[in-house]
Amino acid sequence: MIDFAGARVVVTGAGGGVGTALAATLHECNARIVACDRPGAALSAPGIVETHHFDLLDEDALHRACAAICEAGAPAAVISNAGWTRAETLADITPENLATELDLNFRSAALLSRAFVPAMRDRPSGSAFVFVSSVNALAHYGNPAYSAAKAALHAWMRAIATEEGRNGIRANAVIPGSIKTEAWTHRLEEKPEILDAVTRLYPLARLVEPSEVARAIVFLASSWASGITGATLQVDAGVSASNLPFLEQIAG
């Protein structure tokens, strides 16, 4: 079993669907969770030993939170999980929401990780960043601003992996497809038929569960993945492996 042996692990977006699953999985693996989320988010899951409420778009607040976390010692891992999107097509893009989505889904994660890097260098047991990305970084599934931000996040992850590997820091990304979280609950209430339409796109014929994404993230954050850096791991029910509707069309 993966065992963090009481090491501290930072999780952003800790109050959301994947964040809650991460807290549960990390707690099972004996991590001490440093939970971060927006002001007002509920952060009370078992295993959480420290909470920080701040807006990732507030650069000063972000740096204050990172400094406060490092005062107690460098974390063993930082999981950059927070993310958000609303502009679903190019037609929905405005200068304002383009800036917001790029800032939240890429720039804030980049600034957060850069702030932690100095403290995380040269830990005896090493340290790790895991960035939660999306299949949108691999191909166009809509949400162009979000997709661009996540693709940039991959490049940033590889930069950390390359430049900081000699200092004992690993960096990887998990790439989920559609995740069965509260965001889908709201969509289904408005349009119940969308689930059948979407699941037909996935070779596993279903959405992935938050716990499945969380387990992949925790693996990459742990010493079990000590030889893995600069890598991406899809947890997407197979959607990025093929074009199932296309195959069904040509196969008859």
Protein backbone atom coordinates (compact mmCIF):
# COMPACT_ATOMS: atom_id res chain seq x y z
CA MET A 1 0.00 0.00 0.00
CA ILE A 2 1.15 3.56 -0.71
CA ASP A 3 2.16 5.14 2.59
CA PHE A 4 3.06 8.81 2.98
CA ALA A 5 4.07 8.12 6.60
CA GLY A 6 2.67 11.40 7.87
CA ALA A 7 4.22 13.58 5.17
CA ARG A 8 2.37 16.79 4.27
CA VAL A 9 0.63 16.98 0.89
CA VAL A 10 -0.84 20.22 -0.47
CA VAL A 11 -4.09 19.99 -2.45
CA THR A 12 -5.68 22.93 -4.25
CA GLY A 13 -9.39 22.81 -5.03
CA ALA A 14 -9.66 20.53 -2.01
CA GLY A 15 -13.35 21.20 -1.47
CA GLY A 16 -14.52 20.06 -4.92
CA GLY A 17 -15.45 16.64 -6.23
CA VAL A 18 -11.95 15.47 -7.13
CA GLY A 19 -10.51 17.34 -4.14
CA THR A 20 -12.80 15.50 -1.74
CA ALA A 21 -11.83 12.17 -3.31
CA LEU A 22 -8.17 13.15 -3.05
CA ALA A 23 -8.55 13.92 0.64
CA ALA A 24 -10.13 10.52 1.25
CA THR A 25 -7.44 8.66 -0.70
CA LEU A 26 -4.57 10.60 0.87
CA HIS A 27 -6.01 9.97 4.32
CA GLU A 28 -6.06 6.22 3.60
CA CYS A 29 -2.39 6.55 2.63
CA ASN A 30 -1.42 8.28 5.90
CA ALA A 31 -0.78 11.71 4.42
CA ARG A 32 -1.27 14.91 6.38
CA ILE A 33 -3.36 17.03 4.05
CA VAL A 34 -2.88 20.76 3.59
CA ALA A 35 -6.19 21.74 2.01
CA CYS A 36 -6.52 24.89 -0.10
CA ASP A 37 -9.64 26.34 -1.68
CA ARG A 38 -11.58 29.54 -2.21
CA PRO A 39 -12.93 31.53 0.73
CA GLY A 40 -16.05 29.87 2.08
CA ALA A 41 -15.26 26.36 0.80
CA ALA A 42 -15.85 23.59 3.33
CA LEU A 43 -12.57 21.87 4.23
CA SER A 44 -13.21 19.39 7.03
CA ALA A 45 -12.47 15.92 5.64
CA PRO A 46 -10.54 13.42 7.76
CA GLY A 47 -6.79 13.79 7.33
CA ILE A 48 -6.87 17.55 6.79
CA VAL A 49 -4.45 19.09 9.28
CA GLU A 50 -4.18 22.55 7.83
CA THR A 51 -6.49 24.75 5.75
CA HIS A 52 -5.88 27.83 3.64
CA HIS A 53 -8.68 29.81 2.01
CA PHE A 54 -7.59 32.14 -0.78
CA ASP A 55 -8.41 33.06 -4.37
CA LEU A 56 -5.88 31.64 -6.83
CA LEU A 57 -6.40 34.73 -8.98
CA ASP A 58 -5.13 36.92 -6.12
CA GLU A 59 -1.36 36.70 -6.60
CA ASP A 60 -0.52 38.26 -3.25
CA ALA A 61 -2.84 35.89 -1.39
CA LEU A 62 -1.36 32.95 -3.30
CA HIS A 63 2.18 33.83 -2.26
CA ARG A 64 1.15 34.44 1.34
CA ALA A 65 -0.48 31.00 1.51
CA CYS A 66 2.59 29.28 0.03
CA ALA A 67 4.88 31.04 2.50
CA ALA A 68 2.62 30.09 5.42
CA ILE A 69 2.56 26.46 4.34
CA CYS A 70 6.36 26.30 4.01
CA GLU A 71 6.87 27.78 7.47
CA ALA A 72 5.99 24.33 8.83
CA GLY A 73 8.41 22.65 6.43
CA ALA A 74 8.45 21.78 2.77
CA PRO A 75 5.55 19.62 1.61
CA ALA A 76 6.34 16.21 0.16
CA ALA A 77 3.94 16.83 -2.72
CA VAL A 78 1.81 19.58 -4.20
CA ILE A 79 -1.29 18.57 -6.13
CA SER A 80 -2.52 21.37 -8.38
CA ASN A 81 -6.14 20.36 -8.77
CA ALA A 82 -8.17 23.58 -8.94
CA GLY A 83 -9.68 24.47 -12.31
CA TRP A 84 -12.75 25.99 -13.95
CA THR A 85 -14.31 26.54 -17.37
CA ARG A 86 -17.49 27.99 -18.82
CA ALA A 87 -16.69 29.19 -22.35
CA GLU A 88 -17.60 26.05 -24.33
CA THR A 89 -16.92 27.19 -27.92
CA LEU A 90 -14.94 29.87 -29.73
CA ALA A 91 -18.16 31.84 -30.08
CA ASP A 92 -18.40 32.05 -26.28
CA ILE A 93 -14.94 33.56 -25.86
CA THR A 94 -14.58 37.16 -24.76
CA PRO A 95 -11.36 38.96 -23.82
CA GLU A 96 -12.49 38.84 -20.20
CA ASN A 97 -13.29 35.13 -19.92
CA LEU A 98 -10.23 34.24 -22.00
CA ALA A 99 -8.02 36.02 -19.48
CA THR A 100 -9.86 34.48 -16.52
CA GLU A 101 -9.64 30.92 -17.81
CA LEU A 102 -5.96 31.21 -18.73
CA ASP A 103 -5.16 32.80 -15.37
CA LEU A 104 -7.05 30.25 -13.29
CA ASN A 105 -6.19 27.09 -15.20
CA PHE A 106 -2.57 27.84 -16.08
CA ARG A 107 -1.04 31.01 -14.65
CA SER A 108 -2.11 30.44 -11.04
CA ALA A 109 -0.89 26.83 -11.11
CA ALA A 110 2.43 27.98 -12.57
CA LEU A 111 2.88 30.69 -9.94
CA LEU A 112 1.87 28.33 -7.13
CA SER A 113 4.33 25.64 -8.16
CA ARG A 114 7.14 28.13 -8.71
CA ALA A 115 6.57 29.50 -5.20
CA PHE A 116 6.94 26.01 -3.70
CA VAL A 117 9.98 24.88 -5.72
CA PRO A 118 12.75 26.44 -3.58
CA ALA A 119 11.48 24.83 -0.38
CA MET A 120 10.92 21.44 -2.02
CA ARG A 121 14.44 21.05 -3.41
CA ASP A 122 16.76 18.41 -1.98
CA ARG A 123 14.33 16.71 0.41
CA PRO A 124 15.92 13.37 1.47
CA SER A 125 12.94 11.40 0.14
CA GLY A 126 12.33 13.69 -2.84
CA SER A 127 9.23 15.70 -3.65
CA ALA A 128 6.60 15.84 -6.35
CA PHE A 129 4.18 18.04 -8.21
CA VAL A 130 1.08 16.56 -9.82
CA PHE A 131 -0.94 18.79 -12.12
CA VAL A 132 -4.54 17.84 -12.85
CA SER A 133 -5.05 18.47 -16.53
CA SER A 134 -7.75 17.38 -19.00
CA VAL A 135 -8.19 15.51 -22.26
CA ASN A 136 -8.93 18.97 -23.64
CA ALA A 137 -5.15 19.50 -23.67
CA LEU A 138 -4.76 16.64 -26.16
CA ALA A 139 -7.50 17.32 -28.69
CA HIS A 140 -10.38 19.70 -29.21
CA TYR A 141 -13.41 18.63 -27.17
CA GLY A 142 -14.66 22.20 -26.77
CA ASN A 143 -13.72 24.80 -24.12
CA PRO A 144 -10.89 26.35 -26.19
CA ALA A 145 -9.54 28.71 -23.53
CA TYR A 146 -9.49 25.94 -20.92
CA SER A 147 -7.86 23.61 -23.46
CA ALA A 148 -5.12 26.13 -24.23
CA ALA A 149 -4.47 26.63 -20.53
CA LYS A 150 -4.19 22.90 -19.85
CA ALA A 151 -1.85 22.42 -22.83
CA ALA A 152 0.34 25.19 -21.40
CA LEU A 153 0.25 23.40 -18.05
CA HIS A 154 1.78 20.31 -19.70
CA ALA A 155 4.69 22.41 -20.97
CA TRP A 156 5.17 23.92 -17.51
CA MET A 157 5.12 20.46 -15.92
CA ARG A 158 7.81 19.25 -18.31
CA ALA A 159 9.93 22.32 -17.52
CA ILE A 160 9.85 21.53 -13.79
CA ALA A 161 10.60 17.87 -14.46
CA THR A 162 13.59 18.74 -16.64
CA GLU A 163 15.10 21.61 -14.69
CA GLU A 164 14.42 20.42 -11.13
CA GLY A 165 14.94 16.68 -11.44
CA ARG A 166 18.56 16.98 -10.27
CA ASN A 167 17.17 18.65 -7.13
CA GLY A 168 14.95 15.69 -6.31
CA ILE A 169 11.72 17.19 -7.64
CA ARG A 170 9.45 15.20 -9.91
CA ALA A 171 6.53 16.65 -11.92
CA ASN A 172 3.75 14.82 -13.74
CA ALA A 173 0.20 15.39 -14.94
CA VAL A 174 -2.99 13.35 -14.72
CA ILE A 175 -5.37 13.74 -17.66
CA PRO A 176 -9.00 13.00 -16.81
CA GLY A 177 -11.91 12.82 -19.21
CA SER A 178 -15.38 13.73 -18.03
CA ILE A 179 -15.60 13.10 -14.29
CA LYS A 180 -18.83 12.20 -12.51
CA THR A 181 -18.92 15.17 -10.13
CA GLU A 182 -21.52 17.73 -9.07
CA ALA A 183 -20.88 19.62 -12.30
CA TRP A 184 -22.47 16.71 -14.15
CA THR A 185 -25.36 16.51 -11.69
CA HIS A 186 -26.40 20.03 -12.69
CA ARG A 187 -26.06 19.24 -16.39
CA LEU A 188 -28.17 16.11 -16.04
CA GLU A 189 -30.89 17.99 -14.21
CA GLU A 190 -31.14 20.37 -17.15
CA LYS A 191 -30.66 17.80 -19.92
CA PRO A 192 -30.94 14.15 -18.74
CA GLU A 193 -30.36 12.72 -22.21
CA ILE A 194 -26.83 14.15 -22.36
CA LEU A 195 -25.39 11.26 -20.32
CA ASP A 196 -26.27 8.63 -22.94
CA ALA A 197 -24.93 10.86 -25.70
CA VAL A 198 -21.64 11.45 -23.90
CA THR A 199 -21.01 7.90 -22.66
CA ARG A 200 -21.29 6.62 -26.23
CA LEU A 201 -18.03 8.45 -26.92
CA TYR A 202 -16.10 6.48 -24.28
CA PRO A 203 -14.73 2.96 -24.86
CA LEU A 204 -15.60 2.08 -21.23
CA ALA A 205 -19.12 3.44 -21.89
CA ARG A 206 -19.13 5.59 -18.76
CA LEU A 207 -17.65 8.63 -17.08
CA VAL A 208 -14.76 8.18 -14.68
CA GLU A 209 -15.34 8.45 -10.94
CA PRO A 210 -13.55 11.06 -8.80
CA SER A 211 -11.95 8.25 -6.80
CA GLU A 212 -10.39 6.78 -9.96
CA VAL A 213 -8.77 10.11 -10.79
CA ALA A 214 -7.68 10.57 -7.18
CA ARG A 215 -5.91 7.20 -7.05
CA ALA A 216 -3.86 8.02 -10.16
CA ILE A 217 -2.89 11.41 -8.72
CA VAL A 218 -1.88 9.93 -5.37
CA PHE A 219 0.20 7.26 -7.10
CA LEU A 220 2.18 9.88 -9.03
CA ALA A 221 2.62 11.96 -5.88
CA SER A 222 3.96 8.97 -3.94
CA SER A 223 7.31 7.21 -3.73
CA TRP A 224 5.79 4.36 -5.74
CA ALA A 225 6.27 6.62 -8.78
CA SER A 226 9.82 7.60 -7.81
CA GLY A 227 11.18 6.94 -11.30
CA ILE A 228 8.41 8.76 -13.16
CA THR A 229 8.74 12.42 -14.11
CA GLY A 230 7.69 14.55 -17.06
CA ALA A 231 4.89 12.09 -17.80
CA THR A 232 1.16 12.29 -18.41
CA LEU A 233 -1.30 9.64 -17.26
CA GLN A 234 -4.74 9.44 -18.85
CA VAL A 235 -7.68 8.53 -16.62
CA ASP A 236 -10.34 9.11 -19.25
CA ALA A 237 -12.30 5.88 -19.81
CA GLY A 238 -10.40 5.53 -23.11
CA VAL A 239 -11.72 8.60 -24.93
CA SER A 240 -8.28 9.86 -25.95
CA ALA A 241 -7.19 6.44 -27.22
CA SER A 242 -9.54 6.40 -30.19
CA ASN A 243 -12.52 7.90 -31.96
CA LEU A 244 -15.19 5.34 -31.14
CA PRO A 245 -18.06 7.00 -33.07
CA PHE A 246 -15.82 7.16 -36.14
CA LEU A 247 -14.94 3.47 -35.79
CA GLU A 248 -18.61 2.55 -35.42
CA GLN A 249 -19.44 4.51 -38.56
CA ILE A 250 -16.81 2.90 -40.77
CA ALA A 251 -17.40 -0.58 -39.32
CA GLY A 252 -21.09 -0.34 -40.00
